Amino acid sequence: MQYFYIWPNVAGGLGENTVLDSSVHPPIVTKLHYVIEGWFGDVIVTTFPCYLVTEETQGALQKMGFSGATFADAEVTTSEEFHEDQPGQELPPFVWLKVNGEAGRDDFGIAADYRLVISKRILDLLESLGIPFAVIDPYDDQ
């Protein structure tokens, strides 16, 4: 199976209610608060070291079956800048995509350089749902 690096759109950052252990790298997040500053339609978004997907994407992933990740609730809020720059923009509900798989083996994995790696079938699904601002490159674990 083919695998790809994906750099999801950074739609925001960690909020004040995030709980994390920064004594290790990457930090271990135990509670995620994501503050959206700008969202342009991508069904997967990020801020290091976390990923979120829309609930629609979660459902599609669960329906197809996948390996290397679980889901958890996240607190998602919007910034003042979001309301100023995108007035009236409706956001879909997001969930935390907790990646725990092995890059190049599971559908979701984190490479040695901490980049997200996804399988071709996950890439196909994400592209069908909408990832206009994600950057995709081939993954080569050699």
C-alpha atoms as a PDB file:
ATOM      1  CA  MET A   1       0.000   0.000   0.000  1.00  0.00           C
ATOM      2  CA  GLN A   2       1.127   3.560  -0.675  1.00  0.00           C
ATOM      3  CA  TYR A   3       1.574   6.075   2.126  1.00  0.00           C
ATOM      4  CA  PHE A   4       1.731   9.852   2.168  1.00  0.00           C
ATOM      5  CA  TYR A   5       2.846  12.686   4.391  1.00  0.00           C
ATOM      6  CA  ILE A   6      -0.004  15.094   5.010  1.00  0.00           C
ATOM      7  CA  TRP A   7       0.344  18.593   6.426  1.00  0.00           C
ATOM      8  CA  PRO A   8      -3.218  19.522   7.344  1.00  0.00           C
ATOM      9  CA  ASN A   9      -4.240  23.150   7.413  1.00  0.00           C
ATOM     10  CA  VAL A  10      -3.398  24.925  10.677  1.00  0.00           C
ATOM     11  CA  ALA A  11      -6.789  26.465  11.391  1.00  0.00           C
ATOM     12  CA  GLY A  12      -5.909  27.606  14.896  1.00  0.00           C
ATOM     13  CA  GLY A  13      -3.961  26.744  17.989  1.00  0.00           C
ATOM     14  CA  LEU A  14      -4.048  25.327  21.474  1.00  0.00           C
ATOM     15  CA  GLY A  15      -6.449  27.110  23.795  1.00  0.00           C
ATOM     16  CA  GLU A  16      -6.038  28.005  27.440  1.00  0.00           C
ATOM     17  CA  ASN A  17      -8.013  24.954  28.599  1.00  0.00           C
ATOM     18  CA  THR A  18      -5.562  22.517  26.978  1.00  0.00           C
ATOM     19  CA  VAL A  19      -3.806  20.255  29.477  1.00  0.00           C
ATOM     20  CA  LEU A  20      -0.375  19.036  28.371  1.00  0.00           C
ATOM     21  CA  ASP A  21       2.952  17.748  29.633  1.00  0.00           C
ATOM     22  CA  SER A  22       5.624  19.898  27.971  1.00  0.00           C
ATOM     23  CA  SER A  23       8.488  18.131  29.757  1.00  0.00           C
ATOM     24  CA  VAL A  24       8.584  15.615  26.880  1.00  0.00           C
ATOM     25  CA  HIS A  25       8.766  16.056  23.106  1.00  0.00           C
ATOM     26  CA  PRO A  26       6.343  15.998  21.526  1.00  0.00           C
ATOM     27  CA  PRO A  27       4.200  17.254  24.402  1.00  0.00           C
ATOM     28  CA  ILE A  28       1.593  14.801  25.686  1.00  0.00           C
ATOM     29  CA  VAL A  29      -1.853  16.364  25.504  1.00  0.00           C
ATOM     30  CA  THR A  30      -4.456  14.933  27.883  1.00  0.00           C
ATOM     31  CA  LYS A  31      -7.179  17.543  27.265  1.00  0.00           C
ATOM     32  CA  LEU A  32      -7.486  19.413  23.996  1.00  0.00           C
ATOM     33  CA  HIS A  33      -8.896  22.911  23.614  1.00  0.00           C
ATOM     34  CA  TYR A  34      -8.553  24.057  19.986  1.00  0.00           C
ATOM     35  CA  VAL A  35      -9.170  27.704  19.119  1.00  0.00           C
ATOM     36  CA  ILE A  36     -10.079  28.171  15.461  1.00  0.00           C
ATOM     37  CA  GLU A  37      -8.699  31.388  13.971  1.00  0.00           C
ATOM     38  CA  GLY A  38      -9.605  30.711  10.340  1.00  0.00           C
ATOM     39  CA  TRP A  39     -11.309  27.753   8.664  1.00  0.00           C
ATOM     40  CA  PHE A  40     -11.607  27.292   4.910  1.00  0.00           C
ATOM     41  CA  GLY A  41     -13.277  23.916   4.590  1.00  0.00           C
ATOM     42  CA  ASP A  42     -10.627  21.299   5.365  1.00  0.00           C
ATOM     43  CA  VAL A  43     -12.058  18.212   7.101  1.00  0.00           C
ATOM     44  CA  ILE A  44      -8.752  17.659   8.953  1.00  0.00           C
ATOM     45  CA  VAL A  45      -6.899  20.443  10.764  1.00  0.00           C
ATOM     46  CA  THR A  46      -3.907  20.582  13.060  1.00  0.00           C
ATOM     47  CA  THR A  47      -1.816  22.402  15.591  1.00  0.00           C
ATOM     48  CA  PHE A  48       1.263  20.610  16.888  1.00  0.00           C
ATOM     49  CA  PRO A  49       0.982  17.945  18.216  1.00  0.00           C
ATOM     50  CA  CYS A  50      -2.781  17.410  17.657  1.00  0.00           C
ATOM     51  CA  TYR A  51      -5.167  16.680  14.802  1.00  0.00           C
ATOM     52  CA  LEU A  52      -8.900  17.208  14.533  1.00  0.00           C
ATOM     53  CA  VAL A  53     -11.412  15.943  11.983  1.00  0.00           C
ATOM     54  CA  THR A  54     -15.020  16.860  11.368  1.00  0.00           C
ATOM     55  CA  GLU A  55     -17.678  14.566  12.815  1.00  0.00           C
ATOM     56  CA  GLU A  56     -18.647  13.722   9.221  1.00  0.00           C
ATOM     57  CA  THR A  57     -15.069  12.525   8.607  1.00  0.00           C
ATOM     58  CA  GLN A  58     -15.131  10.526  11.851  1.00  0.00           C
ATOM     59  CA  GLY A  59     -18.291   8.748  10.665  1.00  0.00           C
ATOM     60  CA  ALA A  60     -16.818   8.002   7.240  1.00  0.00           C
ATOM     61  CA  LEU A  61     -13.619   6.638   8.814  1.00  0.00           C
ATOM     62  CA  GLN A  62     -15.575   4.456  11.233  1.00  0.00           C
ATOM     63  CA  LYS A  63     -17.720   3.144   8.388  1.00  0.00           C
ATOM     64  CA  MET A  64     -14.688   2.129   6.285  1.00  0.00           C
ATOM     65  CA  GLY A  65     -12.624   0.828   9.207  1.00  0.00           C
ATOM     66  CA  PHE A  66      -9.080   2.051   9.810  1.00  0.00           C
ATOM     67  CA  SER A  67      -6.020   1.525  11.999  1.00  0.00           C
ATOM     68  CA  GLY A  68      -3.658   3.756  13.914  1.00  0.00           C
ATOM     69  CA  ALA A  69      -5.958   6.286  15.581  1.00  0.00           C
ATOM     70  CA  THR A  70      -8.801   6.760  18.028  1.00  0.00           C
ATOM     71  CA  PHE A  71     -11.230   9.592  18.627  1.00  0.00           C
ATOM     72  CA  ALA A  72     -11.786  11.761  21.680  1.00  0.00           C
ATOM     73  CA  ASP A  73     -13.794  14.823  22.537  1.00  0.00           C
ATOM     74  CA  ALA A  74     -12.151  18.213  22.172  1.00  0.00           C
ATOM     75  CA  GLU A  75     -13.244  21.654  23.232  1.00  0.00           C
ATOM     76  CA  VAL A  76     -13.407  23.726  20.049  1.00  0.00           C
ATOM     77  CA  THR A  77     -13.929  27.477  20.212  1.00  0.00           C
ATOM     78  CA  THR A  78     -13.399  30.386  17.827  1.00  0.00           C
ATOM     79  CA  SER A  79     -11.215  33.459  18.230  1.00  0.00           C
ATOM     80  CA  GLU A  80     -12.206  37.111  17.872  1.00  0.00           C
ATOM     81  CA  GLU A  81     -10.178  37.169  14.650  1.00  0.00           C
ATOM     82  CA  PHE A  82     -12.286  34.323  13.269  1.00  0.00           C
ATOM     83  CA  HIS A  83     -15.494  36.294  13.861  1.00  0.00           C
ATOM     84  CA  GLU A  84     -13.963  39.457  12.357  1.00  0.00           C
ATOM     85  CA  ASP A  85     -12.446  37.749   9.296  1.00  0.00           C
ATOM     86  CA  GLN A  86     -15.198  35.209   8.609  1.00  0.00           C
ATOM     87  CA  PRO A  87     -18.471  36.708   9.891  1.00  0.00           C
ATOM     88  CA  GLY A  88     -21.347  34.273   9.657  1.00  0.00           C
ATOM     89  CA  GLN A  89     -19.067  31.295   8.894  1.00  0.00           C
ATOM     90  CA  GLU A  90     -20.622  28.130  10.311  1.00  0.00           C
ATOM     91  CA  LEU A  91     -18.234  25.490  11.622  1.00  0.00           C
ATOM     92  CA  PRO A  92     -18.946  21.771  11.542  1.00  0.00           C
ATOM     93  CA  PRO A  93     -18.443  19.867  14.801  1.00  0.00           C
ATOM     94  CA  PHE A  94     -14.856  18.622  15.211  1.00  0.00           C
ATOM     95  CA  VAL A  95     -13.433  15.674  17.150  1.00  0.00           C
ATOM     96  CA  TRP A  96      -9.881  14.943  18.254  1.00  0.00           C
ATOM     97  CA  LEU A  97      -8.077  12.395  16.061  1.00  0.00           C
ATOM     98  CA  LYS A  98      -5.544  10.773  18.401  1.00  0.00           C
ATOM     99  CA  VAL A  99      -2.906   9.170  16.194  1.00  0.00           C
ATOM    100  CA  ASN A 100      -1.123   6.193  17.740  1.00  0.00           C
ATOM    101  CA  GLY A 101      -0.215   4.072  14.718  1.00  0.00           C
ATOM    102  CA  GLU A 102       3.043   3.220  13.003  1.00  0.00           C
ATOM    103  CA  ALA A 103       3.913   5.269   9.912  1.00  0.00           C
ATOM    104  CA  GLY A 104       3.966   3.131   6.771  1.00  0.00           C
ATOM    105  CA  ARG A 105       2.065   0.286   8.398  1.00  0.00           C
ATOM    106  CA  ASP A 106      -1.178   1.651   9.849  1.00  0.00           C
ATOM    107  CA  ASP A 107      -3.675   3.932   8.110  1.00  0.00           C
ATOM    108  CA  PHE A 108      -2.554   6.739  10.444  1.00  0.00           C
ATOM    109  CA  GLY A 109       0.951   7.029  11.880  1.00  0.00           C
ATOM    110  CA  ILE A 110       3.500   9.537  13.084  1.00  0.00           C
ATOM    111  CA  ALA A 111       6.886   9.485  11.335  1.00  0.00           C
ATOM    112  CA  ALA A 112      10.194   9.762  13.209  1.00  0.00           C
ATOM    113  CA  ASP A 113      10.220  13.503  12.387  1.00  0.00           C
ATOM    114  CA  TYR A 114       6.714  13.856  13.966  1.00  0.00           C
ATOM    115  CA  ARG A 115       4.914  14.360  10.640  1.00  0.00           C
ATOM    116  CA  LEU A 116       1.555  12.681  10.019  1.00  0.00           C
ATOM    117  CA  VAL A 117       1.571   9.753   7.580  1.00  0.00           C
ATOM    118  CA  ILE A 118      -1.622   8.350   6.059  1.00  0.00           C
ATOM    119  CA  SER A 119      -2.430   5.440   3.777  1.00  0.00           C
ATOM    120  CA  LYS A 120      -3.665   5.904   0.201  1.00  0.00           C
ATOM    121  CA  ARG A 121      -7.195   4.825   1.145  1.00  0.00           C
ATOM    122  CA  ILE A 122      -7.327   7.460   3.911  1.00  0.00           C
ATOM    123  CA  LEU A 123      -5.965  10.068   1.496  1.00  0.00           C
ATOM    124  CA  ASP A 124      -8.666   9.141  -1.034  1.00  0.00           C
ATOM    125  CA  LEU A 125     -11.363   9.502   1.629  1.00  0.00           C
ATOM    126  CA  LEU A 126     -10.050  12.849   2.915  1.00  0.00           C
ATOM    127  CA  GLU A 127      -9.766  14.209  -0.628  1.00  0.00           C
ATOM    128  CA  SER A 128     -13.358  13.169  -1.353  1.00  0.00           C
ATOM    129  CA  LEU A 129     -14.551  15.048   1.756  1.00  0.00           C
ATOM    130  CA  GLY A 130     -12.371  18.122   1.210  1.00  0.00           C
ATOM    131  CA  ILE A 131      -8.790  19.007   2.116  1.00  0.00           C
ATOM    132  CA  PRO A 132      -8.172  22.009  -0.172  1.00  0.00           C
ATOM    133  CA  PHE A 133      -5.367  23.491   1.942  1.00  0.00           C
ATOM    134  CA  ALA A 134      -3.551  20.296   2.989  1.00  0.00           C
ATOM    135  CA  VAL A 135      -0.114  19.597   1.522  1.00  0.00           C
ATOM    136  CA  ILE A 136       0.487  15.999   0.415  1.00  0.00           C
ATOM    137  CA  ASP A 137       3.848  14.365  -0.377  1.00  0.00           C
ATOM    138  CA  PRO A 138       4.837  10.725  -0.953  1.00  0.00           C
ATOM    139  CA  TYR A 139       6.115   8.934   2.150  1.00  0.00           C
ATOM    140  CA  ASP A 140       9.242   6.866   1.838  1.00  0.00           C
ATOM    141  CA  ASP A 141      10.350   5.149   5.032  1.00  0.00           C
ATOM    142  CA  GLN A 142      13.680   4.050   3.571  1.00  0.00           C
END
